[in-house]
Protein backbone atom coordinates (compact mmCIF):
# COMPACT_ATOMS: atom_id res chain seq x y z
CA MET A 1 101.93 222.99 -32.98
CA GLU A 2 99.73 223.25 -30.23
CA ILE A 3 98.87 220.11 -28.36
CA ASN A 4 95.98 219.56 -26.11
CA ARG A 5 93.53 216.80 -25.13
CA THR A 6 91.44 217.81 -28.37
CA ASN A 7 93.96 216.99 -31.00
CA TYR A 8 96.26 214.50 -29.06
CA ASN A 9 95.02 211.46 -30.48
CA PHE A 10 95.19 212.57 -34.11
CA GLU A 11 98.91 214.06 -33.83
CA SER A 12 100.68 211.28 -31.51
CA ARG A 13 101.77 209.18 -34.31
CA ASN A 14 103.38 212.24 -35.73
CA ILE A 15 104.78 213.22 -32.67
CA PHE A 16 106.29 209.86 -31.91
CA GLU A 17 107.73 209.64 -35.46
CA SER A 18 109.31 213.14 -34.88
CA ILE A 19 110.93 211.78 -31.72
CA GLN A 20 112.17 208.62 -33.53
CA GLU A 21 113.79 210.57 -36.86
CA SER A 22 115.22 213.43 -34.84
CA CYS A 23 118.67 213.66 -33.88
CA PHE A 24 118.06 215.27 -30.64
CA VAL A 25 115.29 216.62 -28.48
CA ALA A 26 114.86 219.90 -26.59
CA ILE A 27 112.72 220.34 -23.70
CA ASP A 28 111.39 223.19 -21.56
CA THR A 29 108.66 223.36 -18.90
CA GLU A 30 106.51 226.26 -17.55
CA PHE A 31 105.44 225.33 -13.91
CA THR A 32 103.20 226.64 -11.13
CA GLY A 33 105.68 227.58 -8.49
CA LEU A 34 109.41 228.27 -7.84
CA HIS A 35 109.83 227.36 -3.85
CA ALA A 36 107.86 225.31 -1.72
CA THR A 37 108.94 227.34 1.67
CA GLN A 38 110.57 230.69 2.04
CA GLY A 39 113.57 228.69 3.26
CA ASP A 40 114.16 227.06 -0.14
CA ILE A 41 115.24 230.16 -2.08
CA ASN A 42 118.35 229.43 -3.70
CA SER A 43 121.67 230.18 -1.81
CA LEU A 44 125.46 230.16 -2.39
CA PHE A 45 125.92 228.03 0.62
CA ASP A 46 123.53 225.02 -1.17
CA THR A 47 125.60 221.91 -2.00
CA PRO A 48 124.00 219.84 -4.84
CA ALA A 49 122.21 217.48 -2.57
CA GLN A 50 120.89 220.45 -0.56
CA ARG A 51 119.77 222.03 -3.66
CA TYR A 52 118.24 218.76 -5.00
CA GLU A 53 116.21 218.33 -1.88
CA LYS A 54 115.11 222.23 -2.27
CA LEU A 55 113.86 221.40 -5.87
CA ARG A 56 112.36 218.17 -4.59
CA ARG A 57 109.90 219.73 -2.44
CA MET A 58 108.96 222.14 -5.41
CA ALA A 59 108.48 219.38 -7.70
CA MET A 60 106.29 217.55 -5.47
CA GLN A 61 104.12 220.36 -4.78
CA TYR A 62 103.63 222.37 -7.91
CA THR A 63 103.08 221.11 -11.36
CA ILE A 64 103.86 221.48 -14.85
CA CYS A 65 101.10 223.54 -17.03
CA GLN A 66 103.18 223.73 -20.19
CA LEU A 67 105.67 221.58 -21.82
CA GLY A 68 107.42 222.17 -24.97
CA ILE A 69 109.26 219.71 -27.16
CA SER A 70 111.37 220.31 -30.24
CA ALA A 71 112.68 217.50 -32.27
CA PHE A 72 115.30 218.52 -34.96
CA VAL A 73 115.51 216.30 -37.67
CA LYS A 74 118.37 216.17 -39.95
CA VAL A 75 117.36 216.56 -43.76
CA PRO A 76 119.02 213.64 -45.77
CA ASN A 77 122.23 214.72 -47.89
CA LYS A 78 121.92 218.23 -46.80
CA ASN A 79 123.51 220.65 -44.05
CA GLU A 80 120.12 221.25 -42.91
CA TYR A 81 117.91 220.60 -39.75
CA GLU A 82 114.42 220.79 -39.43
CA ALA A 83 112.71 221.74 -36.34
CA HIS A 84 109.45 219.73 -35.17
CA THR A 85 108.25 221.86 -32.06
CA TYR A 86 105.07 220.83 -30.03
CA ASN A 87 103.48 222.97 -27.19
CA PHE A 88 101.77 220.76 -24.99
CA HIS A 89 99.19 222.19 -22.52
CA LEU A 90 98.91 219.77 -19.57
CA PHE A 91 96.28 219.48 -16.72
CA PRO A 92 95.97 215.99 -14.57
CA ARG A 93 92.71 214.66 -14.71
CA SER A 94 91.03 213.16 -11.45
CA ILE A 95 89.47 209.72 -11.82
CA SER A 96 88.61 207.33 -9.18
CA SER A 97 91.20 207.31 -6.12
CA VAL A 98 93.90 209.37 -8.68
CA ASP A 99 92.97 212.79 -7.77
CA SER A 100 96.48 215.20 -7.95
CA ARG A 101 96.66 218.47 -5.93
CA PHE A 102 97.07 221.61 -8.18
CA THR A 103 99.16 224.36 -6.08
CA CYS A 104 100.35 227.54 -7.36
CA GLN A 105 102.71 230.39 -6.19
CA ALA A 106 101.07 233.94 -6.54
CA SER A 107 104.37 235.30 -8.14
CA SER A 108 104.90 232.55 -10.68
CA ILE A 109 101.01 233.19 -11.82
CA GLU A 110 101.97 236.67 -12.05
CA PHE A 111 105.10 235.74 -14.12
CA LEU A 112 103.04 233.72 -16.69
CA CYS A 113 100.08 236.34 -16.72
CA LYS A 114 102.85 238.93 -18.07
CA TYR A 115 103.87 236.54 -20.88
CA ASN A 116 100.14 236.05 -21.84
CA PHE A 117 99.59 232.77 -20.68
CA ASN A 118 96.42 231.07 -21.72
CA PHE A 119 94.76 229.61 -18.53
CA ASN A 120 91.78 228.36 -20.51
CA LYS A 121 93.94 226.03 -22.43
CA LEU A 122 95.40 224.88 -19.35
CA PHE A 123 92.07 224.03 -17.41
CA TYR A 124 89.57 223.32 -20.45
CA GLU A 125 91.77 221.52 -22.87
CA GLY A 126 94.94 220.22 -20.63
CA LEU A 127 96.24 216.99 -21.61
CA SER A 128 96.30 214.52 -18.75
CA TYR A 129 99.36 212.21 -17.62
CA LEU A 130 100.05 209.67 -14.92
CA THR A 131 102.69 208.25 -13.08
CA ARG A 132 103.70 204.68 -12.89
CA ASP A 133 102.36 204.14 -9.51
CA GLN A 134 99.24 206.12 -10.69
CA GLU A 135 98.91 203.78 -13.73
CA ASP A 136 99.55 200.57 -11.48
CA GLU A 137 96.81 201.70 -9.18
CA LEU A 138 94.09 202.43 -12.01
CA ARG A 139 95.15 199.10 -13.74
CA LYS A 140 94.43 196.86 -10.73
CA GLN A 141 91.24 198.52 -10.13
CA ALA A 142 90.21 197.95 -13.97
CA GLN A 143 91.36 194.15 -13.48
CA THR A 144 89.18 193.72 -10.16
CA LYS A 145 86.13 196.24 -10.56
CA PRO A 146 86.28 198.32 -13.74
CA VAL A 147 83.35 200.50 -12.61
CA GLN A 148 85.05 201.91 -9.64
CA LEU A 149 87.13 204.25 -12.11
CA ALA A 150 83.75 205.98 -12.72
CA ARG A 151 82.84 206.46 -8.85
CA TYR A 152 83.57 210.18 -8.88
CA MET A 153 82.10 211.20 -12.64
CA ASP A 154 79.64 214.06 -12.68
CA GLU A 155 76.43 212.90 -11.30
CA ASP A 156 74.42 215.10 -13.59
CA LEU A 157 75.84 213.41 -16.58
CA GLN A 158 75.43 209.83 -15.46
CA ARG A 159 71.45 210.65 -14.28
CA GLU A 160 70.66 212.31 -17.54
CA ALA A 161 72.20 209.11 -19.60
CA LEU A 162 70.84 206.68 -17.43
CA THR A 163 67.40 208.25 -17.63
CA SER A 164 66.91 208.37 -21.39
CA ILE A 165 68.16 204.74 -21.41
CA SER A 166 65.76 203.67 -18.83
CA GLU A 167 63.00 205.16 -20.55
CA TRP A 168 63.86 204.15 -24.16
CA LEU A 169 64.42 200.53 -22.88
CA SER A 170 60.93 199.81 -21.59
CA GLU A 171 60.01 199.50 -25.36
CA ALA A 172 63.25 198.51 -26.90
CA ASP A 173 63.32 195.13 -28.70
CA THR A 174 66.73 192.82 -29.17
CA GLY A 175 68.92 194.64 -31.51
CA GLY A 176 67.33 198.19 -30.91
CA GLU A 177 69.87 200.90 -30.78
CA LEU A 178 70.01 204.44 -29.04
CA THR A 179 72.37 207.31 -29.52
CA VAL A 180 72.56 208.52 -26.01
CA GLY A 181 74.20 211.79 -26.65
CA GLN A 182 77.57 213.55 -27.83
CA TYR A 183 80.39 213.41 -24.87
CA GLU A 184 84.01 214.23 -24.72
CA GLU A 185 86.07 210.95 -25.34
CA LEU A 186 87.03 210.03 -21.48
CA ASP A 187 83.33 210.96 -20.52
CA GLY A 188 81.93 208.97 -23.05
CA LEU A 189 84.48 205.82 -22.01
CA LEU A 190 83.39 206.45 -18.38
CA LEU A 191 79.73 206.41 -19.09
CA GLN A 192 80.01 202.98 -20.99
CA LEU A 193 81.50 201.25 -17.85
CA VAL A 194 78.38 203.03 -15.74
CA ILE A 195 75.60 201.87 -18.33
CA GLN A 196 76.72 198.17 -18.87
CA GLU A 197 76.92 198.23 -14.79
CA SER A 198 73.50 199.65 -14.63
CA PHE A 199 71.87 197.46 -17.83
CA PRO A 200 73.77 194.53 -18.35
CA ILE A 201 71.51 193.81 -21.41
CA LEU A 202 73.32 196.66 -23.36
CA ASN A 203 76.31 196.68 -25.43
CA THR A 204 77.84 200.11 -25.82
CA ARG A 205 80.14 202.03 -28.19
CA PHE A 206 81.60 205.19 -28.11
CA ASP A 207 82.54 206.72 -31.69
CA VAL A 208 85.67 208.80 -31.37
CA ASN A 209 85.02 210.28 -34.70
CA THR A 210 81.58 211.55 -34.10
CA THR A 211 81.85 211.71 -30.49
CA GLN A 212 78.72 209.92 -30.01
CA LEU A 213 77.61 207.22 -27.53
CA LYS A 214 75.30 204.81 -28.60
CA VAL A 215 73.96 201.59 -26.93
CA LYS A 216 72.29 198.33 -28.21
CA VAL A 217 70.13 195.47 -26.76
CA MET A 218 72.26 192.64 -26.70
CA ALA A 219 71.21 189.07 -27.88
CA ALA A 220 71.21 186.84 -24.71
CA GLU A 221 74.00 184.47 -25.95
CA ASN A 222 76.19 187.72 -26.13
CA ARG A 223 75.80 188.66 -22.78
CA ASP A 224 78.43 186.22 -20.99
CA ARG A 225 81.14 188.32 -22.59
CA LEU A 226 80.01 191.58 -20.52
CA GLU A 227 82.57 191.21 -17.68
CA GLU A 228 85.44 190.60 -20.02
CA ASP A 229 84.48 193.65 -22.26
CA GLN A 230 84.40 195.92 -19.25
CA VAL A 231 88.10 195.03 -18.17
CA LYS A 232 89.11 195.87 -21.56
CA LEU A 233 86.96 199.32 -21.65
CA ALA A 234 88.38 200.22 -18.34
CA ASN A 235 92.11 199.61 -19.55
CA ARG A 236 91.02 201.65 -22.59
CA ILE A 237 90.23 204.47 -19.90
CA VAL A 238 93.68 203.94 -18.39
CA ASP A 239 95.45 204.23 -21.86
CA LYS A 240 93.53 207.30 -22.55
CA LEU A 241 94.77 208.95 -19.37
CA LEU A 242 98.21 208.23 -19.97
CA GLY A 243 98.55 211.12 -22.13
CA PHE A 244 101.62 212.81 -22.13
CA THR A 245 103.28 209.92 -20.19
CA GLU A 246 103.22 208.06 -23.62
CA VAL A 247 105.59 210.90 -24.85
CA PHE A 248 108.00 210.73 -22.05
CA ARG A 249 108.32 207.03 -22.45
CA ALA A 250 108.59 207.46 -26.42
CA LEU A 251 111.64 209.81 -25.26
CA VAL A 252 112.93 207.20 -23.03
CA GLU A 253 112.98 204.59 -25.09
CA SER A 254 114.46 206.64 -28.13
CA GLU A 255 117.53 207.26 -26.12
CA LYS A 256 118.08 210.72 -28.02
CA PRO A 257 119.95 213.44 -26.53
CA ILE A 258 117.85 215.66 -24.42
CA ILE A 259 118.87 219.15 -24.60
CA GLY A 260 117.62 222.32 -22.61
CA HIS A 261 118.46 225.30 -20.91
CA ASN A 262 119.41 225.54 -17.13
CA LEU A 263 117.43 222.14 -17.31
CA LEU A 264 117.81 220.46 -13.84
CA THR A 265 114.40 221.73 -12.88
CA ASP A 266 112.72 220.68 -16.01
CA LEU A 267 114.39 216.84 -15.61
CA MET A 268 113.10 216.50 -11.89
CA LEU A 269 109.80 217.65 -13.06
CA PHE A 270 109.72 215.27 -15.81
CA TYR A 271 110.82 212.45 -13.47
CA GLU A 272 108.25 213.21 -10.75
CA LYS A 273 105.26 213.91 -12.89
CA PHE A 274 105.56 211.33 -15.49
CA HIS A 275 107.64 208.52 -14.14
CA ARG A 276 107.92 208.01 -10.07
CA PRO A 277 108.10 210.19 -7.03
CA LEU A 278 111.42 211.63 -7.09
CA PRO A 279 113.82 209.49 -4.68
CA ARG A 280 114.68 210.95 -1.24
CA SER A 281 118.78 210.27 -2.00
CA TYR A 282 120.20 212.76 -4.35
CA SER A 283 122.81 210.17 -5.63
CA SER A 284 119.92 207.71 -6.39
CA PHE A 285 118.13 210.52 -8.29
CA LYS A 286 121.24 210.81 -10.49
CA ALA A 287 121.73 206.94 -11.14
CA GLN A 288 118.27 206.79 -11.91
CA LEU A 289 117.57 209.82 -14.09
CA HIS A 290 120.93 208.57 -16.19
CA GLU A 291 119.13 205.27 -16.83
CA LEU A 292 115.98 206.92 -18.45
CA PHE A 293 118.17 209.85 -19.98
CA PRO A 294 121.66 208.64 -20.95
CA LYS A 295 122.74 211.68 -22.87
CA VAL A 296 121.69 215.29 -21.55
CA PHE A 297 123.16 218.39 -22.52
CA ASP A 298 122.69 221.69 -21.13
CA THR A 299 123.11 225.26 -23.23
CA LYS A 300 123.41 227.32 -20.24
CA TYR A 301 126.51 225.22 -19.02
CA LEU A 302 127.88 224.88 -22.74
CA SER A 303 127.44 228.83 -23.04
CA TYR A 304 129.01 229.62 -19.73
CA GLU A 305 132.14 227.57 -20.46
CA MET A 306 132.25 228.85 -24.10
CA ARG A 307 131.42 232.40 -23.38
CA LYS A 308 134.84 233.75 -23.63
CA ASN A 309 135.73 232.03 -27.07
CA LEU A 310 132.45 233.55 -28.41
CA ILE A 311 133.30 237.01 -27.12
CA ASP A 312 136.88 236.51 -28.86
CA ALA A 313 135.10 235.41 -31.99
CA GLY A 314 133.26 238.79 -32.42
CA LEU A 315 130.13 238.07 -30.61
CA GLN A 316 128.69 240.38 -27.84
CA VAL A 317 127.67 237.88 -25.51
CA GLN A 318 126.26 240.14 -22.84
CA ASN A 319 125.10 237.07 -20.71
CA THR A 320 124.17 233.74 -21.18
CA SER A 321 120.55 234.04 -20.80
CA LEU A 322 118.36 231.81 -23.64
CA GLY A 323 117.03 235.32 -25.11
CA CYS A 324 120.61 236.73 -25.60
CA LEU A 325 122.25 233.67 -26.91
CA LEU A 326 119.47 233.25 -29.40
CA GLU A 327 119.56 236.82 -30.47
CA ASN A 328 123.41 236.45 -30.82
CA LEU A 329 123.54 232.87 -32.77
CA SER A 330 120.81 233.68 -34.82
CA SER A 331 122.32 236.91 -36.23
CA LYS A 332 124.35 237.06 -39.46
CA GLU A 333 127.66 237.09 -37.51
CA GLY A 334 126.36 234.21 -35.08
CA THR A 335 125.44 232.01 -38.54
CA LEU A 336 129.15 232.90 -40.04
CA ILE A 337 131.24 232.38 -36.87
CA VAL A 338 132.74 229.33 -38.52
CA LEU A 339 132.17 227.88 -41.99
CA HIS A 340 129.44 225.49 -42.77
CA SER A 341 126.76 226.17 -40.02
CA PRO A 342 123.66 224.26 -40.75
CA HIS A 343 120.71 225.65 -42.04
CA ILE A 344 117.70 225.54 -39.20
CA PHE A 345 114.18 225.89 -40.35
CA HIS A 346 110.60 224.80 -39.13
CA GLY A 347 109.30 221.70 -40.62
CA GLU A 348 105.76 222.00 -42.59
CA ARG A 349 102.79 222.01 -40.19
CA PHE A 350 105.20 223.90 -37.63
CA ASP A 351 104.80 227.56 -38.84
CA LYS A 352 103.89 229.16 -35.42
CA TYR A 353 107.44 230.31 -34.88
CA VAL A 354 108.59 231.32 -38.30
CA ASP A 355 108.47 235.05 -37.64
CA GLY A 356 109.47 234.37 -33.90
CA GLY A 357 107.94 233.65 -30.97
CA VAL A 358 107.60 234.75 -27.18
CA LEU A 359 110.23 233.76 -24.75
CA HIS A 360 108.50 231.59 -21.75
CA GLU A 361 106.13 229.89 -24.17
CA ALA A 362 107.30 226.52 -23.50
CA GLY A 363 107.44 225.26 -27.17
CA TYR A 364 109.48 228.18 -28.38
CA ASP A 365 111.92 227.92 -25.47
CA ALA A 366 112.27 224.23 -26.39
CA TYR A 367 113.30 225.56 -29.88
CA ALA A 368 115.34 228.17 -28.79
CA ALA A 369 117.34 225.71 -26.61
CA GLY A 370 117.62 223.36 -29.49
CA TYR A 371 118.74 225.99 -32.05
CA VAL A 372 121.39 227.20 -29.53
CA PHE A 373 122.53 223.96 -28.85
CA LEU A 374 123.04 223.15 -32.56
CA ARG A 375 125.20 226.28 -33.01
CA LEU A 376 127.22 225.90 -30.06
CA ALA A 377 127.73 222.05 -31.15
CA HIS A 378 129.04 223.20 -34.58
CA TYR A 379 131.07 226.00 -33.32
CA ILE A 380 132.93 223.71 -30.71
CA THR A 381 133.29 221.12 -33.14
CA ALA A 382 134.38 223.34 -36.44
CA LYS A 383 136.22 226.29 -34.44
CA ASP A 384 139.80 224.03 -34.56
CA ILE A 385 139.38 222.98 -38.10
CA LYS A 386 141.60 224.92 -40.55
CA VAL A 387 139.69 226.86 -43.34
CA MET A 388 140.85 224.83 -45.89
CA ALA A 389 140.03 221.67 -44.41
CA SER A 390 136.52 222.76 -43.32
CA ARG A 391 133.40 220.90 -44.45
CA PRO A 392 129.55 220.23 -43.42
CA LEU A 393 129.52 218.13 -40.07
CA ASP A 394 127.71 215.02 -39.31
CA PHE A 395 125.62 215.26 -36.06
CA ARG A 396 127.59 211.97 -34.60
CA GLU A 397 130.94 214.36 -34.82
CA TYR A 398 129.09 216.97 -32.66
CA VAL A 399 128.07 214.22 -29.86
CA TRP A 400 131.53 212.98 -29.87
CA LYS A 401 133.63 216.39 -29.77
CA LEU A 402 130.85 217.24 -26.91
CA LYS A 403 131.48 214.09 -24.88
CA ASP A 404 133.07 216.33 -21.84
CA TYR A 405 130.03 218.19 -21.83
CA LYS A 406 127.75 215.39 -21.71
CA ASP A 407 125.36 215.30 -18.47
CA LYS A 408 126.96 218.60 -16.88
CA VAL A 409 123.82 220.77 -15.97
CA ASN A 410 123.96 224.20 -14.71
CA ILE A 411 122.86 224.90 -11.03
CA ILE A 412 122.20 228.48 -10.38
CA ARG A 413 123.53 230.27 -7.38
CA ALA A 414 125.12 227.67 -5.43
CA ALA A 415 128.44 226.38 -4.12
CA VAL A 416 129.13 224.74 -7.39
CA ASN A 417 127.97 225.87 -11.01
CA HIS A 418 126.93 222.65 -12.47
CA VAL A 419 126.27 218.92 -11.22
CA ASN A 420 127.47 215.82 -13.21
CA LEU A 421 124.43 213.46 -13.58
CA SER A 422 126.80 210.57 -14.73
CA GLY A 423 129.81 210.95 -12.37
CA SER A 424 130.71 212.97 -9.26
CA ASP A 425 130.09 216.53 -9.01
CA PRO A 426 133.03 218.94 -9.54
CA PRO A 427 134.60 220.72 -6.43
CA SER A 428 133.49 224.35 -5.67
CA ARG A 429 134.71 227.06 -7.83
CA ARG A 430 133.45 229.92 -5.38
CA PRO A 431 135.49 231.69 -2.68
CA GLN A 432 136.27 230.44 0.55
CA TRP A 433 133.57 231.26 3.16
CA LEU A 434 134.07 234.26 5.10
CA HIS A 435 133.36 234.71 8.87
CA VAL A 436 131.95 237.76 10.28
CA THR A 437 131.99 238.75 14.10
CA SER A 438 130.30 241.40 15.84
CA LYS A 439 133.41 243.79 17.86
CA LYS A 440 130.79 244.76 20.31
CA LEU A 441 129.26 242.60 22.69
CA THR A 442 125.94 244.52 22.57
CA GLN A 443 125.26 244.45 18.84
CA SER A 444 123.58 241.84 17.57
CA LEU A 445 123.96 240.69 13.80
CA ASP A 446 121.13 240.70 11.47
CA GLY A 447 120.91 238.61 8.55
CA VAL A 448 118.97 241.21 6.29
CA LYS A 449 121.41 244.43 7.07
CA LEU A 450 124.59 242.40 6.70
CA ALA A 451 123.24 241.07 3.07
CA HIS A 452 122.61 244.84 2.37
CA ILE A 453 126.28 246.27 3.58
CA PHE A 454 128.41 243.21 1.82
CA GLY A 455 125.98 243.13 -1.40
CA SER A 456 127.23 246.46 -2.24
CA TYR A 457 130.57 244.63 -2.98
CA SER A 458 129.29 241.64 -4.42
CA SER A 459 126.47 239.17 -4.58
CA VAL A 460 126.34 237.63 -1.15
CA ASP A 461 124.26 235.04 0.85
CA VAL A 462 124.34 235.32 5.02
CA GLN A 463 123.71 232.55 7.49
CA VAL A 464 123.72 234.17 10.95
CA ILE A 465 125.36 231.55 13.64
CA ASP A 466 124.49 233.42 16.74
CA ARG A 467 123.75 236.85 17.92
CA ARG A 468 127.74 237.67 17.36
CA HIS A 469 128.72 235.57 14.20
CA ALA A 470 127.82 234.86 10.75
CA LEU A 471 128.93 233.10 7.85
CA LEU A 472 129.50 235.15 4.35
CA ALA A 473 129.15 233.13 1.10
CA VAL A 474 130.44 235.59 -1.90
CA ALA A 475 129.79 234.88 -5.53
CA THR A 476 133.03 236.12 -6.68
CA PHE A 477 136.74 236.04 -6.14
CA GLY A 478 137.05 240.00 -6.84
CA GLY A 479 134.08 240.57 -4.51
CA CYS A 480 135.69 238.51 -1.79
CA LYS A 481 138.77 240.52 -1.95
CA ASP A 482 137.10 243.73 -1.79
CA ILE A 483 135.00 243.03 1.29
CA MET A 484 138.10 241.74 3.29
CA ARG A 485 140.31 244.92 2.13
CA ALA A 486 136.88 247.41 3.00
CA PHE A 487 136.62 245.47 6.27
CA LYS A 488 139.93 245.21 7.44
CA GLU A 489 140.06 247.70 10.24
CA HIS A 490 136.34 248.03 10.62
CA ASP A 491 135.25 249.30 13.86
CA THR A 492 132.52 247.29 14.51
CA LEU A 493 132.72 244.08 12.22
CA SER A 494 135.76 241.61 11.98
CA VAL A 495 135.87 239.51 8.62
CA VAL A 496 138.08 236.77 8.31
CA LYS A 497 138.34 233.82 6.32
CA TYR A 498 136.40 231.02 7.56
CA SER A 499 138.41 228.13 9.26
CA PRO A 500 136.42 225.05 10.55
CA LEU A 501 138.94 224.35 13.37
CA HIS A 502 138.76 228.08 14.39
CA HIS A 503 135.08 229.07 14.08
CA SER A 504 133.08 225.80 14.26
CA LYS A 505 131.41 224.67 17.41
CA ARG A 506 130.74 221.58 16.24
CA VAL A 507 134.49 220.85 14.92
CA ARG A 508 135.96 221.95 18.04
CA MET A 509 133.97 219.97 20.22
CA GLY A 510 134.57 216.84 18.16
CA LEU A 511 138.34 217.47 18.50
CA TRP A 512 138.17 217.77 22.15
CA SER A 513 135.86 214.71 22.44
CA ALA A 514 138.51 212.81 20.35
CA LEU A 515 141.51 214.21 22.46
CA ILE A 516 139.72 213.02 25.59
CA PHE A 517 138.61 209.85 24.41
CA SER A 518 142.26 209.13 23.21
CA GLY A 519 143.90 210.36 26.20
CA ALA A 520 141.67 207.90 28.51
CA ILE A 521 142.57 205.04 25.99
CA CYS A 522 146.22 206.07 26.66
CA VAL A 523 145.89 206.02 30.25
CA TRP A 524 144.01 202.82 30.35
CA ALA A 525 146.60 201.20 28.00
CA PHE A 526 149.42 202.55 30.55
CA PHE A 527 148.20 201.67 33.85
CA GLY A 528 146.17 198.25 32.58
CA ASN A 529 149.57 196.93 31.34
CA GLN A 530 151.30 197.59 34.66
CA PRO A 531 152.46 194.03 36.13
CA LYS A 532 150.70 193.02 39.10
CA PRO A 533 152.77 192.77 42.55
CA ALA A 534 153.64 189.24 43.58
CA ARG A 535 151.72 188.02 46.50
């Protein structure tokens, strides 16, 4: 179901009910950029904290343009799940002092165009949202001077409305009413503030159903309530601006498991755009995110861990991309890989993807992630149950069986393959770094050339230390062995396993400093404790 700012009010109750009734909710986001700077490209050298800082810069600079939520509801007394999928178009609205920057990266826009992204829906129909800080700022303005919320409103719109009211008011009597015009809801609400400020004798009313704004001349005894009414109206405007933030808060309050595919970026964008600015500290982020979403499952991590089992069971899982997993697990072989796999179908009124969808549309990707999760959860839970004892399984059994996979979120091309949102991150599974030295004093090392040379053996990343030395991070142990073997007796390059003691100037300087300091202490202790000669 497509959700925008036109139909959100009508559908919001259904959205909240879908979340509340679901066993779990799958999410996905499409956004306007990937890297804040050229130096923020993913690297095999990245620690989790370093990757977090790169993604934090990205999340602060770019924004979500489309967001998918798919709530999977268990059908009572049946081994079936009904998917309620919503595809949200989002766009931050400017009002008063809140005016979010909208930036984008050309490559990301080209990517969205490739998959027929509808930019008209983004800009003309996008649902608004606020962080808690933005909401607090607007609530204060609503309390102290409500009309401030309308200070940057379209001047032509204001002038036209005020002129027509002024002309009508010259002949209007108490109780007289005028239909000012038809407006989008937010414009209608803001105009009410402007009109009340300009004409204190008027009562204003905006009809959401007809989108008409009407004014009426108040009796004198009712005018004392105007200030109180303006505060209420201003808070109603802030409520309207919350938009998708209400859905985010419903997800938090529901404490439902959150599912996604390779979803670290999605979670960081959720936090940054709908909650608060991302904390500088990586550990603080993990702790605070875990408070918001205490049960997170990543289908990228799950499928990576289970890929060999799936292949052994007869599925041709070429890779762990979402499209490949969906194709394999929705096939006849995928649904029958173990007995009593649940039936998954689209709920009534959620028929857009009945005949398939397009990957990289957020709603479809969210549904795909939820579908893959449910299939993997059933496989992991049921694979060790004997055939004669097999039966349909309850969702709580899935969650219990998957407890070791909870909060483990995949991290692409880094020193570790996943992060742990509720505990210590795992040790690196990558090969030990290699140290590259130019054997020729006159030959300077070039990072691009080195990446090209070693890239023929494996996926690598290069960090140039100085003109004659560089570090090499290799993705696979097989590739690392091949490089060591190929460059064992190379004419111009020496490649050895990296040792901080031998190759790090900082470590060596630290050791020498410690030795010198220790030696000085020993000398002082020896000579300082010598007995003084008698006088």
